[in-house]
C-alpha atoms as a PDB file:
ATOM      1  CA  MET A   1      -0.161   0.063   0.039  1.00  0.00           C
ATOM      2  CA  THR A   2       1.534   3.412  -1.022  1.00  0.00           C
ATOM      3  CA  ASN A   3       0.692   6.683   0.461  1.00  0.00           C
ATOM      4  CA  ARG A   4       1.034   8.673  -2.734  1.00  0.00           C
ATOM      5  CA  LYS A   5      -0.506  12.010  -3.019  1.00  0.00           C
ATOM      6  CA  ASP A   6      -1.502  13.706  -6.277  1.00  0.00           C
ATOM      7  CA  SER A   7      -1.133  17.407  -6.199  1.00  0.00           C
ATOM      8  CA  LYS A   8      -4.306  17.868  -8.303  1.00  0.00           C
ATOM      9  CA  THR A   9      -6.623  15.857  -6.162  1.00  0.00           C
ATOM     10  CA  THR A  10      -5.040  17.100  -2.588  1.00  0.00           C
ATOM     11  CA  VAL A  11      -6.798  20.249  -1.361  1.00  0.00           C
ATOM     12  CA  GLY A  12      -5.522  21.933   1.637  1.00  0.00           C
ATOM     13  CA  ARG A  13      -7.648  23.494   4.333  1.00  0.00           C
ATOM     14  CA  LEU A  14      -8.190  26.930   5.616  1.00  0.00           C
ATOM     15  CA  LYS A  15      -8.105  26.658   9.552  1.00  0.00           C
ATOM     16  CA  ASN A  16      -7.687  30.089  10.984  1.00  0.00           C
ATOM     17  CA  ARG A  17      -9.475  33.479  11.173  1.00  0.00           C
ATOM     18  CA  PRO A  18      -6.671  35.501   9.408  1.00  0.00           C
ATOM     19  CA  GLN A  19      -6.693  33.066   6.355  1.00  0.00           C
ATOM     20  CA  PHE A  20     -10.620  33.279   6.003  1.00  0.00           C
ATOM     21  CA  LEU A  21     -10.491  37.131   6.307  1.00  0.00           C
ATOM     22  CA  ALA A  22      -7.704  37.291   3.532  1.00  0.00           C
ATOM     23  CA  VAL A  23      -9.951  35.414   1.062  1.00  0.00           C
ATOM     24  CA  ARG A  24     -12.555  37.980   1.632  1.00  0.00           C
ATOM     25  CA  GLN A  25     -10.311  40.458  -0.243  1.00  0.00           C
ATOM     26  CA  GLY A  26     -10.698  38.193  -3.407  1.00  0.00           C
ATOM     27  CA  GLU A  27     -13.353  37.785  -6.049  1.00  0.00           C
ATOM     28  CA  ILE A  28     -17.059  36.889  -4.920  1.00  0.00           C
ATOM     29  CA  ARG A  29     -19.115  34.368  -6.859  1.00  0.00           C
ATOM     30  CA  ARG A  30     -22.694  34.149  -5.876  1.00  0.00           C
ATOM     31  CA  GLY A  31     -24.844  30.847  -6.018  1.00  0.00           C
ATOM     32  CA  ARG A  32     -28.124  29.893  -5.286  1.00  0.00           C
ATOM     33  CA  THR A  33     -27.172  27.371  -2.533  1.00  0.00           C
ATOM     34  CA  PHE A  34     -23.867  28.989  -1.504  1.00  0.00           C
ATOM     35  CA  LEU A  35     -21.457  31.990  -1.877  1.00  0.00           C
ATOM     36  CA  LEU A  36     -17.987  31.142  -3.075  1.00  0.00           C
ATOM     37  CA  GLU A  37     -14.996  33.676  -2.193  1.00  0.00           C
ATOM     38  CA  VAL A  38     -11.715  33.139  -4.364  1.00  0.00           C
ATOM     39  CA  LEU A  39      -8.306  34.636  -3.760  1.00  0.00           C
ATOM     40  CA  ASP A  40      -5.435  34.031  -5.914  1.00  0.00           C
ATOM     41  CA  ARG A  41      -2.279  33.755  -3.740  1.00  0.00           C
ATOM     42  CA  GLN A  42       0.093  34.090  -6.727  1.00  0.00           C
ATOM     43  CA  GLN A  43       1.750  30.786  -5.774  1.00  0.00           C
ATOM     44  CA  PRO A  44       1.268  28.317  -8.547  1.00  0.00           C
ATOM     45  CA  ASP A  45       3.154  25.663  -7.112  1.00  0.00           C
ATOM     46  CA  GLU A  46       1.257  25.376  -3.878  1.00  0.00           C
ATOM     47  CA  PRO A  47      -1.957  23.140  -3.878  1.00  0.00           C
ATOM     48  CA  PRO A  48      -5.410  24.923  -3.321  1.00  0.00           C
ATOM     49  CA  ARG A  49      -6.993  25.522  -0.094  1.00  0.00           C
ATOM     50  CA  VAL A  50     -10.614  25.539   0.966  1.00  0.00           C
ATOM     51  CA  GLY A  51     -12.681  26.712   3.975  1.00  0.00           C
ATOM     52  CA  PHE A  52     -16.325  26.414   4.987  1.00  0.00           C
ATOM     53  CA  THR A  53     -18.433  28.910   6.640  1.00  0.00           C
ATOM     54  CA  VAL A  54     -21.889  28.265   8.049  1.00  0.00           C
ATOM     55  CA  THR A  55     -23.387  31.012  10.130  1.00  0.00           C
ATOM     56  CA  LYS A  56     -25.871  30.383  13.033  1.00  0.00           C
ATOM     57  CA  LYS A  57     -28.639  32.171  11.383  1.00  0.00           C
ATOM     58  CA  HIS A  58     -28.947  29.037   9.281  1.00  0.00           C
ATOM     59  CA  GLY A  59     -30.030  26.687  11.965  1.00  0.00           C
ATOM     60  CA  ASN A  60     -28.981  24.700  14.888  1.00  0.00           C
ATOM     61  CA  ALA A  61     -25.638  22.784  15.260  1.00  0.00           C
ATOM     62  CA  VAL A  62     -26.864  19.476  13.601  1.00  0.00           C
ATOM     63  CA  GLU A  63     -28.125  21.380  10.559  1.00  0.00           C
ATOM     64  CA  ARG A  64     -24.994  23.559  10.205  1.00  0.00           C
ATOM     65  CA  ASN A  65     -22.813  20.405  10.607  1.00  0.00           C
ATOM     66  CA  ARG A  66     -24.889  18.693   7.967  1.00  0.00           C
ATOM     67  CA  MET A  67     -24.403  21.609   5.549  1.00  0.00           C
ATOM     68  CA  ARG A  68     -20.766  21.552   6.277  1.00  0.00           C
ATOM     69  CA  ARG A  69     -20.571  17.676   5.549  1.00  0.00           C
ATOM     70  CA  ARG A  70     -22.299  17.860   2.364  1.00  0.00           C
ATOM     71  CA  LEU A  71     -20.102  20.825   1.065  1.00  0.00           C
ATOM     72  CA  ARG A  72     -17.034  19.093   2.307  1.00  0.00           C
ATOM     73  CA  GLU A  73     -18.033  15.924   0.391  1.00  0.00           C
ATOM     74  CA  ALA A  74     -19.068  17.679  -2.982  1.00  0.00           C
ATOM     75  CA  VAL A  75     -15.224  19.194  -2.898  1.00  0.00           C
ATOM     76  CA  ARG A  76     -13.848  15.840  -2.122  1.00  0.00           C
ATOM     77  CA  GLN A  77     -15.764  14.089  -4.805  1.00  0.00           C
ATOM     78  CA  SER A  78     -15.599  16.218  -7.977  1.00  0.00           C
ATOM     79  CA  ALA A  79     -15.070  20.007  -7.110  1.00  0.00           C
ATOM     80  CA  GLY A  80     -11.479  19.556  -6.018  1.00  0.00           C
ATOM     81  CA  PHE A  81     -10.358  18.703  -9.490  1.00  0.00           C
ATOM     82  CA  ALA A  82     -11.569  21.967 -10.686  1.00  0.00           C
ATOM     83  CA  MET A  83      -9.651  24.058  -8.232  1.00  0.00           C
ATOM     84  CA  ASN A  84      -6.750  25.796  -9.503  1.00  0.00           C
ATOM     85  CA  ASN A  85      -3.331  25.455  -7.612  1.00  0.00           C
ATOM     86  CA  GLY A  86      -2.310  28.634  -5.667  1.00  0.00           C
ATOM     87  CA  HIS A  87      -5.860  29.750  -5.066  1.00  0.00           C
ATOM     88  CA  ASP A  88      -7.922  29.969  -1.650  1.00  0.00           C
ATOM     89  CA  TYR A  89     -11.492  29.215  -1.657  1.00  0.00           C
ATOM     90  CA  VAL A  90     -14.153  29.903   1.015  1.00  0.00           C
ATOM     91  CA  ILE A  91     -17.759  28.253   0.542  1.00  0.00           C
ATOM     92  CA  VAL A  92     -20.401  30.193   2.559  1.00  0.00           C
ATOM     93  CA  ALA A  93     -23.211  28.023   2.705  1.00  0.00           C
ATOM     94  CA  ARG A  94     -26.841  29.102   2.540  1.00  0.00           C
ATOM     95  CA  ARG A  95     -29.918  27.205   3.918  1.00  0.00           C
ATOM     96  CA  ASP A  96     -30.784  25.611   0.562  1.00  0.00           C
ATOM     97  CA  VAL A  97     -27.748  23.368   0.829  1.00  0.00           C
ATOM     98  CA  LEU A  98     -29.823  21.184   3.047  1.00  0.00           C
ATOM     99  CA  THR A  99     -32.390  20.463   0.371  1.00  0.00           C
ATOM    100  CA  ALA A 100     -30.757  20.820  -2.821  1.00  0.00           C
ATOM    101  CA  PRO A 101     -29.956  17.479  -4.697  1.00  0.00           C
ATOM    102  CA  PHE A 102     -26.419  16.577  -4.305  1.00  0.00           C
ATOM    103  CA  ALA A 103     -25.719  16.288  -7.964  1.00  0.00           C
ATOM    104  CA  ASP A 104     -27.079  19.926  -8.586  1.00  0.00           C
ATOM    105  CA  MET A 105     -25.192  21.184  -5.668  1.00  0.00           C
ATOM    106  CA  THR A 106     -21.928  19.456  -6.942  1.00  0.00           C
ATOM    107  CA  ALA A 107     -22.524  20.890 -10.420  1.00  0.00           C
ATOM    108  CA  GLN A 108     -23.119  24.416  -9.197  1.00  0.00           C
ATOM    109  CA  LEU A 109     -19.868  24.267  -7.134  1.00  0.00           C
ATOM    110  CA  ILE A 110     -17.829  23.124 -10.240  1.00  0.00           C
ATOM    111  CA  GLU A 111     -19.384  25.926 -12.180  1.00  0.00           C
ATOM    112  CA  ARG A 112     -18.746  28.657  -9.631  1.00  0.00           C
ATOM    113  CA  ILE A 113     -15.232  27.302  -9.167  1.00  0.00           C
ATOM    114  CA  GLU A 114     -14.571  27.365 -12.799  1.00  0.00           C
ATOM    115  CA  GLY A 115     -15.791  30.851 -13.103  1.00  0.00           C
ATOM    116  CA  LYS A 116     -18.330  30.373 -15.946  1.00  0.00           C
ATOM    117  CA  PRO A 117     -20.016  33.689 -16.708  1.00  0.00           C
ATOM    118  CA  ARG A 118     -23.673  33.641 -15.849  1.00  0.00           C
ATOM    119  CA  HIS A 119     -26.345  34.985 -18.057  1.00  0.00           C
ATOM    120  CA  LYS A 120     -26.702  38.644 -17.491  1.00  0.00           C
ATOM    121  CA  ARG A 121     -30.137  40.497 -17.688  1.00  0.00           C
ATOM    122  CA  SER A 122     -30.570  42.954 -20.546  1.00  0.00           C
ATOM    123  CA  GLU A 123     -30.538  46.700 -20.020  1.00  0.00           C
ATOM    124  CA  GLU A 124     -34.466  47.033 -20.400  1.00  0.00           C
ATOM    125  CA  THR A 125     -35.064  44.462 -17.622  1.00  0.00           C
ATOM    126  CA  ARG A 126     -32.326  45.605 -15.310  1.00  0.00           C
ATOM    127  CA  SER A 127     -34.016  48.579 -13.953  1.00  0.00           C
ATOM    128  CA  ARG A 128     -37.712  48.295 -12.907  1.00  0.00           C
ATOM    129  CA  LYS A 129     -38.029  51.992 -12.553  1.00  0.00           C
ATOM    130  CA  ALA A 130     -39.297  53.973 -15.476  1.00  0.00           C
END
């Protein structure tokens, strides 16, 4: 049995408050079930790191831990492959993480990580004031 770690599949963790606060200075990508904050550390040789945030307004400890576990598993199974080396990611959960189908949540996570542009509203529908 070998303990080989592939650099593309290994995702590090953000563990302390200054690391999380540093990521807030980066890009914000909003989604229906979560918010993704991305920071390019300008270190392409380092593996990507990820952190998870679930605020107390989204339920009791059992529900918050379930949200965190679902997001961690989505990153482990498939989204970790889409993460770029030298980047930090913070996933801020919303309450919809509990009820969203896992496949849809994983697809949304990959889409947000890759930074695909979303459809923008046209100019005539952007403002409701006439």
